[in-house]
């Protein structure tokens, strides 16, 4: 039996991301210290207990492994407010890729040693009351703890995952809007470290598929310095867009 604190942490992760494929949940369980050969069984047990308590539902949504998502009861239990509950079919590929990016980052030595933490888009909207005037909310935030001794200590980065290419103009518009949001926007708690007196985000990080990277790079060039100096572009992990994995007999 897993500790209740860990059970709650994993349910919160599912709720934050909107939905998780069950193989990703098993990977998350393994990342939390469960032996790899036991992770799938523990994940199945978790899903069953969440379902019995009314905290989560599962279903085969047509892409790869089945999915699990928090019900309205589960969202309330984790303190998240969200308009929708069941994941949108059209967002599944993006949700899968974003989760893979988050898992990949959380496995890095820097993340594990420095106390970095991720705030999801759902959490941004729920916890901070993101301003209505902001047309675009980042896919997530990475927070660098103050006092960590790292170059980015006390800073916040906005995170974006791009699978399908948008126009250069639309992408550049998002870049400018995100990087010019003021730190005070959305009622940010005073205890939350922020990058400076004007900018909410010290950096904007893109993870791109091969199809989308050119548009993102061109948009960064279109934005120009000094904003473009705060934009970093990386390839998506290879596994991020691989949805058609064999079923594990869930």
Protein backbone atom coordinates (compact mmCIF):
# COMPACT_ATOMS: atom_id res chain seq x y z
CA UNK A 1 0.00 0.00 0.00
CA UNK A 2 1.36 3.38 -1.03
CA UNK A 3 1.46 6.21 1.54
CA UNK A 4 -1.63 8.42 1.41
CA UNK A 5 0.54 11.50 0.88
CA UNK A 6 1.98 9.97 -2.29
CA UNK A 7 -1.47 8.85 -3.42
CA UNK A 8 -2.66 12.45 -3.13
CA UNK A 9 0.42 13.78 -4.89
CA UNK A 10 -0.16 11.49 -7.87
CA UNK A 11 -3.85 12.36 -8.08
CA UNK A 12 -2.88 16.04 -8.01
CA UNK A 13 -0.47 15.41 -10.90
CA UNK A 14 -3.25 13.79 -12.95
CA UNK A 15 -5.64 16.63 -12.13
CA UNK A 16 -3.09 19.29 -13.01
CA UNK A 17 -2.34 17.80 -16.44
CA UNK A 18 -5.99 17.28 -17.32
CA UNK A 19 -5.46 13.58 -18.07
CA UNK A 20 -2.70 10.98 -18.10
CA UNK A 21 -2.23 7.85 -20.14
CA UNK A 22 -1.93 4.85 -17.86
CA UNK A 23 1.58 4.01 -19.03
CA UNK A 24 2.61 7.56 -18.12
CA UNK A 25 1.04 7.08 -14.68
CA UNK A 26 3.11 3.91 -14.28
CA UNK A 27 6.24 5.88 -15.25
CA UNK A 28 5.32 8.55 -12.70
CA UNK A 29 4.88 5.89 -10.01
CA UNK A 30 8.32 4.49 -10.85
CA UNK A 31 9.82 7.98 -10.66
CA UNK A 32 8.46 8.22 -7.11
CA UNK A 33 10.50 5.20 -6.02
CA UNK A 34 8.33 2.17 -6.79
CA UNK A 35 10.37 -0.61 -8.47
CA UNK A 36 9.86 -0.55 -12.24
CA UNK A 37 8.56 -4.11 -12.36
CA UNK A 38 5.88 -3.19 -9.81
CA UNK A 39 4.94 0.26 -11.14
CA UNK A 40 2.21 -0.87 -13.54
CA UNK A 41 0.50 -2.92 -10.82
CA UNK A 42 0.66 -0.03 -8.36
CA UNK A 43 -0.74 2.32 -11.01
CA UNK A 44 -3.63 -0.09 -11.67
CA UNK A 45 -4.37 -0.24 -7.95
CA UNK A 46 -4.31 3.54 -7.69
CA UNK A 47 -6.72 3.95 -10.59
CA UNK A 48 -9.06 1.38 -9.07
CA UNK A 49 -9.02 3.08 -5.66
CA UNK A 50 -9.56 6.52 -7.19
CA UNK A 51 -12.45 5.17 -9.24
CA UNK A 52 -14.06 3.52 -6.22
CA UNK A 53 -13.81 6.80 -4.29
CA UNK A 54 -15.22 8.79 -7.20
CA UNK A 55 -12.02 10.77 -7.66
CA UNK A 56 -11.17 9.63 -11.19
CA UNK A 57 -12.47 7.94 -14.32
CA UNK A 58 -10.69 5.95 -17.00
CA UNK A 59 -11.41 5.28 -20.64
CA UNK A 60 -9.97 4.29 -23.97
CA UNK A 61 -10.03 7.58 -25.87
CA UNK A 62 -8.67 6.11 -29.08
CA UNK A 63 -5.00 7.04 -28.80
CA UNK A 64 -2.59 4.50 -27.37
CA UNK A 65 -3.01 3.39 -23.76
CA UNK A 66 -6.23 4.14 -21.84
CA UNK A 67 -6.43 7.47 -20.03
CA UNK A 68 -7.24 8.51 -16.48
CA UNK A 69 -8.64 11.90 -15.47
CA UNK A 70 -9.92 13.52 -12.28
CA UNK A 71 -13.67 13.84 -11.80
CA UNK A 72 -15.22 16.98 -10.38
CA UNK A 73 -14.93 15.32 -6.96
CA UNK A 74 -11.25 14.62 -7.62
CA UNK A 75 -10.64 18.17 -8.72
CA UNK A 76 -12.27 19.47 -5.56
CA UNK A 77 -10.18 17.10 -3.45
CA UNK A 78 -6.99 18.47 -4.99
CA UNK A 79 -8.08 22.09 -4.68
CA UNK A 80 -8.24 22.72 -8.42
CA UNK A 81 -10.98 24.63 -10.18
CA UNK A 82 -11.55 23.79 -13.83
CA UNK A 83 -14.42 24.31 -16.24
CA UNK A 84 -14.07 20.96 -17.99
CA UNK A 85 -13.55 17.49 -16.54
CA UNK A 86 -13.28 14.88 -19.30
CA UNK A 87 -10.30 15.56 -21.58
CA UNK A 88 -10.96 16.92 -25.04
CA UNK A 89 -10.18 14.47 -27.84
CA UNK A 90 -8.48 17.18 -29.88
CA UNK A 91 -6.07 18.01 -27.04
CA UNK A 92 -4.89 14.47 -26.26
CA UNK A 93 -1.70 14.60 -28.30
CA UNK A 94 -0.74 17.91 -26.74
CA UNK A 95 -1.56 16.66 -23.24
CA UNK A 96 0.54 13.54 -23.78
CA UNK A 97 3.50 15.56 -25.08
CA UNK A 98 3.30 18.14 -22.30
CA UNK A 99 3.21 15.41 -19.65
CA UNK A 100 6.23 13.75 -21.23
CA UNK A 101 8.13 17.05 -21.13
CA UNK A 102 7.25 17.54 -17.47
CA UNK A 103 8.32 13.98 -16.58
CA UNK A 104 11.57 14.36 -18.52
CA UNK A 105 12.46 17.62 -16.76
CA UNK A 106 11.63 16.21 -13.34
CA UNK A 107 14.10 13.38 -13.91
CA UNK A 108 17.07 15.69 -14.46
CA UNK A 109 19.71 16.03 -11.71
CA UNK A 110 19.21 19.79 -11.57
CA UNK A 111 15.51 19.36 -10.90
CA UNK A 112 15.98 16.71 -8.23
CA UNK A 113 18.70 18.59 -6.36
CA UNK A 114 17.46 22.17 -6.51
CA UNK A 115 13.79 21.91 -5.55
CA UNK A 116 12.46 23.17 -8.87
CA UNK A 117 8.70 22.86 -9.21
CA UNK A 118 6.12 22.92 -11.98
CA UNK A 119 2.86 24.85 -12.04
CA UNK A 120 0.45 23.53 -14.66
CA UNK A 121 -1.85 25.61 -16.85
CA UNK A 122 -4.80 24.39 -14.78
CA UNK A 123 -3.03 25.48 -11.60
CA UNK A 124 -2.14 28.86 -13.07
CA UNK A 125 -5.79 29.49 -13.89
CA UNK A 126 -7.06 28.03 -10.62
CA UNK A 127 -4.52 29.32 -8.11
CA UNK A 128 -3.61 32.68 -9.57
CA UNK A 129 -6.79 33.79 -11.29
CA UNK A 130 -4.94 34.59 -14.52
CA UNK A 131 -6.08 37.97 -15.84
CA UNK A 132 -9.00 37.88 -18.25
CA UNK A 133 -7.12 40.25 -20.54
CA UNK A 134 -4.46 37.60 -21.15
CA UNK A 135 -5.50 35.74 -24.29
CA UNK A 136 -2.85 33.07 -23.82
CA UNK A 137 -1.92 31.13 -20.71
CA UNK A 138 1.36 29.17 -20.88
CA UNK A 139 1.25 25.38 -20.85
CA UNK A 140 3.11 25.48 -17.55
CA UNK A 141 5.60 27.32 -15.38
CA UNK A 142 8.92 26.19 -13.92
CA UNK A 143 9.79 27.90 -10.64
CA UNK A 144 13.41 28.21 -9.51
CA UNK A 145 13.53 28.41 -5.70
CA UNK A 146 15.08 31.50 -4.20
CA UNK A 147 18.27 30.84 -2.27
CA UNK A 148 19.17 27.75 -4.33
CA UNK A 149 22.43 29.30 -5.47
CA UNK A 150 21.59 28.63 -9.12
CA UNK A 151 21.84 31.35 -11.80
CA UNK A 152 18.02 31.40 -12.16
CA UNK A 153 17.23 31.35 -8.44
CA UNK A 154 13.98 33.16 -7.69
CA UNK A 155 12.94 33.22 -11.35
CA UNK A 156 9.95 31.78 -13.19
CA UNK A 157 9.99 30.39 -16.73
CA UNK A 158 6.95 29.97 -18.97
CA UNK A 159 6.79 26.62 -20.77
CA UNK A 160 5.24 25.90 -24.17
CA UNK A 161 4.86 22.66 -26.15
CA UNK A 162 4.29 22.93 -29.89
CA UNK A 163 3.28 19.85 -31.88
CA UNK A 164 1.42 21.29 -34.86
CA UNK A 165 2.89 24.41 -36.47
CA UNK A 166 1.07 27.71 -36.09
CA UNK A 167 1.71 30.70 -38.28
CA UNK A 168 4.77 32.79 -37.53
CA UNK A 169 2.52 35.75 -36.81
CA UNK A 170 0.36 33.85 -34.29
CA UNK A 171 3.40 32.38 -32.55
CA UNK A 172 5.15 35.75 -32.33
CA UNK A 173 1.99 37.26 -30.84
CA UNK A 174 2.00 34.61 -28.09
CA UNK A 175 5.69 35.20 -27.39
CA UNK A 176 5.22 38.94 -26.95
CA UNK A 177 2.11 38.56 -24.80
CA UNK A 178 3.72 36.04 -22.45
CA UNK A 179 6.99 37.92 -22.07
CA UNK A 180 5.34 41.29 -21.45
CA UNK A 181 2.94 40.15 -18.75
CA UNK A 182 3.66 42.09 -15.59
CA UNK A 183 4.67 40.30 -12.43
CA UNK A 184 1.66 41.50 -10.46
CA UNK A 185 -0.84 40.11 -12.97
CA UNK A 186 -3.33 37.62 -11.61
CA UNK A 187 -2.85 38.30 -7.93
CA UNK A 188 0.43 36.45 -7.54
CA UNK A 189 1.06 35.70 -3.85
CA UNK A 190 3.75 37.82 -2.26
CA UNK A 191 5.62 34.66 -1.26
CA UNK A 192 6.04 33.58 -4.90
CA UNK A 193 9.48 34.58 -6.25
CA UNK A 194 9.25 36.56 -9.46
CA UNK A 195 11.84 37.61 -12.05
CA UNK A 196 11.72 41.35 -11.64
CA UNK A 197 9.65 44.47 -11.14
CA UNK A 198 8.12 44.41 -14.62
CA UNK A 199 8.22 40.94 -16.17
CA UNK A 200 6.33 37.97 -14.83
CA UNK A 201 8.60 35.51 -16.70
CA UNK A 202 12.37 35.57 -16.88
CA UNK A 203 12.30 33.15 -19.80
CA UNK A 204 10.03 31.40 -22.27
CA UNK A 205 10.96 27.82 -23.18
CA UNK A 206 9.56 26.03 -26.23
CA UNK A 207 9.66 22.28 -26.82
CA UNK A 208 8.91 21.64 -30.48
CA UNK A 209 8.12 18.77 -32.81
CA UNK A 210 10.09 18.61 -36.08
CA UNK A 211 7.02 20.02 -37.84
CA UNK A 212 6.70 23.07 -35.59
CA UNK A 213 10.29 24.08 -34.81
CA UNK A 214 10.84 26.21 -37.93
CA UNK A 215 7.79 28.40 -37.27
CA UNK A 216 8.88 28.89 -33.64
CA UNK A 217 12.42 29.84 -34.63
CA UNK A 218 11.13 32.23 -37.28
CA UNK A 219 8.73 33.76 -34.77
CA UNK A 220 11.56 34.29 -32.30
CA UNK A 221 13.51 36.10 -35.01
CA UNK A 222 10.42 38.14 -35.83
CA UNK A 223 10.03 39.22 -32.20
CA UNK A 224 13.63 40.43 -32.10
CA UNK A 225 15.86 41.53 -29.25
CA UNK A 226 15.56 42.06 -26.33
CA UNK A 227 12.51 39.78 -25.95
CA UNK A 228 13.97 37.09 -28.20
CA UNK A 229 16.99 36.85 -25.88
CA UNK A 230 14.68 35.30 -23.28
CA UNK A 231 13.24 32.62 -25.60
CA UNK A 232 14.82 29.14 -25.71
CA UNK A 233 13.84 26.45 -28.21
CA UNK A 234 14.38 22.69 -27.77
CA UNK A 235 13.31 19.50 -29.51
CA UNK A 236 10.53 17.50 -27.90
CA UNK A 237 11.67 14.23 -26.31
CA UNK A 238 11.29 11.48 -28.90
CA UNK A 239 8.66 9.73 -26.79
CA UNK A 240 6.49 12.84 -26.46
CA UNK A 241 4.46 12.27 -29.61
CA UNK A 242 4.52 8.46 -29.59
CA UNK A 243 0.98 7.49 -28.61
CA UNK A 244 0.42 4.19 -30.36
CA UNK A 245 2.25 2.02 -27.84
CA UNK A 246 1.12 -1.58 -27.21
CA UNK A 247 -1.55 -2.03 -24.58
CA UNK A 248 -0.32 -3.50 -21.29
CA UNK A 249 -3.52 -5.30 -20.44
CA UNK A 250 -4.94 -2.56 -18.25
